[in-house]
Protein backbone atom coordinates (compact mmCIF):
# COMPACT_ATOMS: atom_id res chain seq x y z
CA MET A 1 -38.50 -14.55 -22.69
CA SER A 2 -37.28 -11.80 -20.40
CA ASP A 3 -36.53 -14.48 -17.79
CA VAL A 4 -34.14 -16.20 -20.21
CA ILE A 5 -32.43 -12.93 -21.06
CA SER A 6 -32.02 -12.05 -17.41
CA LYS A 7 -30.44 -15.47 -16.75
CA GLN A 8 -28.04 -14.92 -19.63
CA GLU A 9 -27.20 -11.48 -18.31
CA GLN A 10 -26.66 -12.92 -14.84
CA ASN A 11 -24.40 -15.63 -16.26
CA GLN A 12 -22.42 -12.94 -18.09
CA LYS A 13 -22.05 -10.92 -14.88
CA ASP A 14 -20.99 -14.03 -12.98
CA LEU A 15 -18.43 -14.84 -15.66
CA LEU A 16 -16.99 -11.33 -15.43
CA THR A 17 -16.84 -11.57 -11.63
CA VAL A 18 -15.00 -14.88 -11.76
CA ALA A 19 -12.61 -13.61 -14.44
CA SER A 20 -11.80 -10.44 -12.52
CA GLY A 21 -11.29 -12.42 -9.31
CA GLY A 22 -9.00 -14.87 -11.11
CA SER A 23 -6.94 -12.10 -12.66
CA LEU A 24 -6.63 -10.37 -9.30
CA SER A 25 -5.47 -13.63 -7.73
CA PHE A 26 -2.94 -14.11 -10.56
CA ILE A 27 -1.52 -10.62 -10.07
CA GLY A 28 -1.36 -11.22 -6.31
CA ASN A 29 0.61 -14.42 -6.87
CA ILE A 30 3.08 -12.64 -9.13
CA VAL A 31 3.58 -9.84 -6.59
CA ASN A 32 3.95 -12.39 -3.77
CA ARG A 33 6.64 -14.32 -5.67
CA GLY A 34 8.45 -11.10 -6.52
CA ILE A 35 8.51 -10.03 -2.88
CA LYS A 36 9.77 -13.49 -1.84
CA TYR A 37 12.52 -13.27 -4.46
CA ILE A 38 13.64 -9.83 -3.26
CA TYR A 39 13.47 -11.02 0.37
CA SER A 40 15.63 -14.04 -0.45
CA LEU A 41 18.17 -11.87 -2.26
CA ALA A 42 18.34 -9.51 0.71
CA LEU A 43 18.88 -12.44 3.08
CA ILE A 44 21.60 -13.93 0.88
CA TRP A 45 23.30 -10.55 0.66
CA GLY A 46 23.04 -9.97 4.41
CA LEU A 47 23.81 -13.47 5.68
CA GLY A 48 26.03 -14.93 3.01
CA ALA A 49 25.37 -18.08 1.03
CA GLU A 50 26.24 -20.64 3.72
CA ASP A 51 24.27 -18.98 6.52
CA PHE A 52 21.34 -18.48 4.15
CA GLY A 53 21.43 -22.20 3.35
CA LEU A 54 21.34 -23.05 7.06
CA PHE A 55 18.48 -20.58 7.58
CA THR A 56 16.55 -22.13 4.69
CA LEU A 57 17.14 -25.64 6.03
CA ALA A 58 15.92 -24.64 9.51
CA LEU A 59 12.88 -22.92 8.00
CA THR A 60 12.12 -26.00 5.89
CA ILE A 61 12.30 -28.29 8.93
CA THR A 62 9.95 -26.10 10.98
CA THR A 63 7.58 -25.68 8.04
CA PHE A 64 7.48 -29.45 7.56
CA VAL A 65 6.64 -29.97 11.23
CA GLY A 66 3.98 -27.25 10.97
CA VAL A 67 2.35 -28.95 8.02
CA ILE A 68 2.24 -32.21 9.96
CA ALA A 69 0.81 -30.41 13.02
CA ASN A 70 -2.15 -29.13 10.97
CA LEU A 71 -3.26 -32.72 10.38
CA GLY A 72 -5.33 -31.62 7.37
CA MET A 73 -7.77 -29.87 9.67
CA HIS A 74 -8.55 -27.09 7.19
CA GLN A 75 -10.35 -29.69 5.10
CA SER A 76 -12.23 -30.82 8.20
CA ILE A 77 -13.45 -27.30 8.84
CA ILE A 78 -14.71 -27.05 5.27
CA ARG A 79 -16.44 -30.45 5.29
CA PHE A 80 -17.91 -30.55 8.76
CA GLY A 81 -18.51 -26.80 8.87
CA ALA A 82 -20.72 -27.17 5.81
CA ILE A 83 -22.53 -30.14 7.33
CA TYR A 84 -23.15 -28.46 10.68
CA SER A 85 -23.96 -25.08 9.16
CA HIS A 86 -26.88 -26.75 7.41
CA SER A 87 -28.26 -28.29 10.61
CA GLU A 88 -27.11 -25.83 13.30
CA GLY A 89 -26.29 -22.62 11.44
CA ARG A 90 -23.46 -20.36 12.55
CA ILE A 91 -23.18 -22.13 15.91
CA GLY A 92 -22.30 -25.35 14.09
CA ILE A 93 -19.54 -23.63 12.15
CA HIS A 94 -18.23 -22.06 15.36
CA ARG A 95 -18.23 -25.40 17.20
CA THR A 96 -16.44 -27.11 14.31
CA THR A 97 -13.81 -24.39 14.13
CA MET A 98 -13.18 -24.39 17.87
CA ALA A 99 -12.88 -28.19 18.03
CA THR A 100 -10.42 -28.11 15.16
CA MET A 101 -8.41 -25.32 16.78
CA ARG A 102 -8.10 -27.31 20.01
CA ILE A 103 -6.76 -30.31 18.12
CA VAL A 104 -4.34 -28.27 15.99
CA VAL A 105 -2.99 -26.26 18.94
CA ALA A 106 -2.44 -29.42 20.98
CA SER A 107 -0.73 -31.25 18.11
CA GLY A 108 1.37 -28.16 17.36
CA ILE A 109 2.57 -27.90 20.96
CA ILE A 110 3.39 -31.61 21.11
CA LEU A 111 5.29 -31.55 17.81
CA MET A 112 7.09 -28.35 18.80
CA MET A 113 8.29 -30.03 22.00
CA ILE A 114 9.40 -33.11 20.05
CA LEU A 115 11.28 -30.89 17.59
CA PHE A 116 12.88 -28.90 20.41
CA LEU A 117 14.00 -32.04 22.24
CA SER A 118 15.30 -33.77 19.13
CA ILE A 119 17.00 -30.83 17.41
CA GLU A 120 20.49 -32.10 18.23
CA THR A 121 19.71 -35.47 16.68
CA ILE A 122 18.24 -33.80 13.62
CA ALA A 123 21.10 -31.32 13.22
CA VAL A 124 24.02 -33.68 13.87
CA ASN A 125 22.87 -37.17 12.93
CA ILE A 126 20.52 -36.47 10.03
CA PHE A 127 21.96 -33.34 8.39
CA ASN A 128 25.53 -33.47 9.80
CA LYS A 129 25.32 -29.74 10.56
CA PRO A 130 25.95 -28.97 14.25
CA GLU A 131 25.70 -25.24 13.46
CA LEU A 132 22.01 -25.84 12.68
CA LYS A 133 21.17 -26.38 16.39
CA PRO A 134 20.77 -22.70 17.39
CA LEU A 135 18.63 -21.97 14.36
């Protein structure tokens, strides 16, 4: 009987831990969005609306290329890290992480070079904004 009570108590403690972690994450998201909002307002005030728009467009383009460069490798680390941690332990996780990092760094460098070499085409032909090139 005491075993059942201890399991119930453990479940209650686990529930409280999850709830407190979730609420902390929620508060962190609210603070993060507030800081981003204040940062954006400061940039708009400092740069002006048109320059802020160009800055946002340049940031969006580089973020898009960065997302492509990751190739979904964070999911690979989770999947294969779990598989190799079971058979090889920490060494398996380390090997998985290092292999993923090599691939991501190489794809990031290649895509960065492609972006750098094609920035005039992107700025002028796609967005019709030659003032985007230096950004």
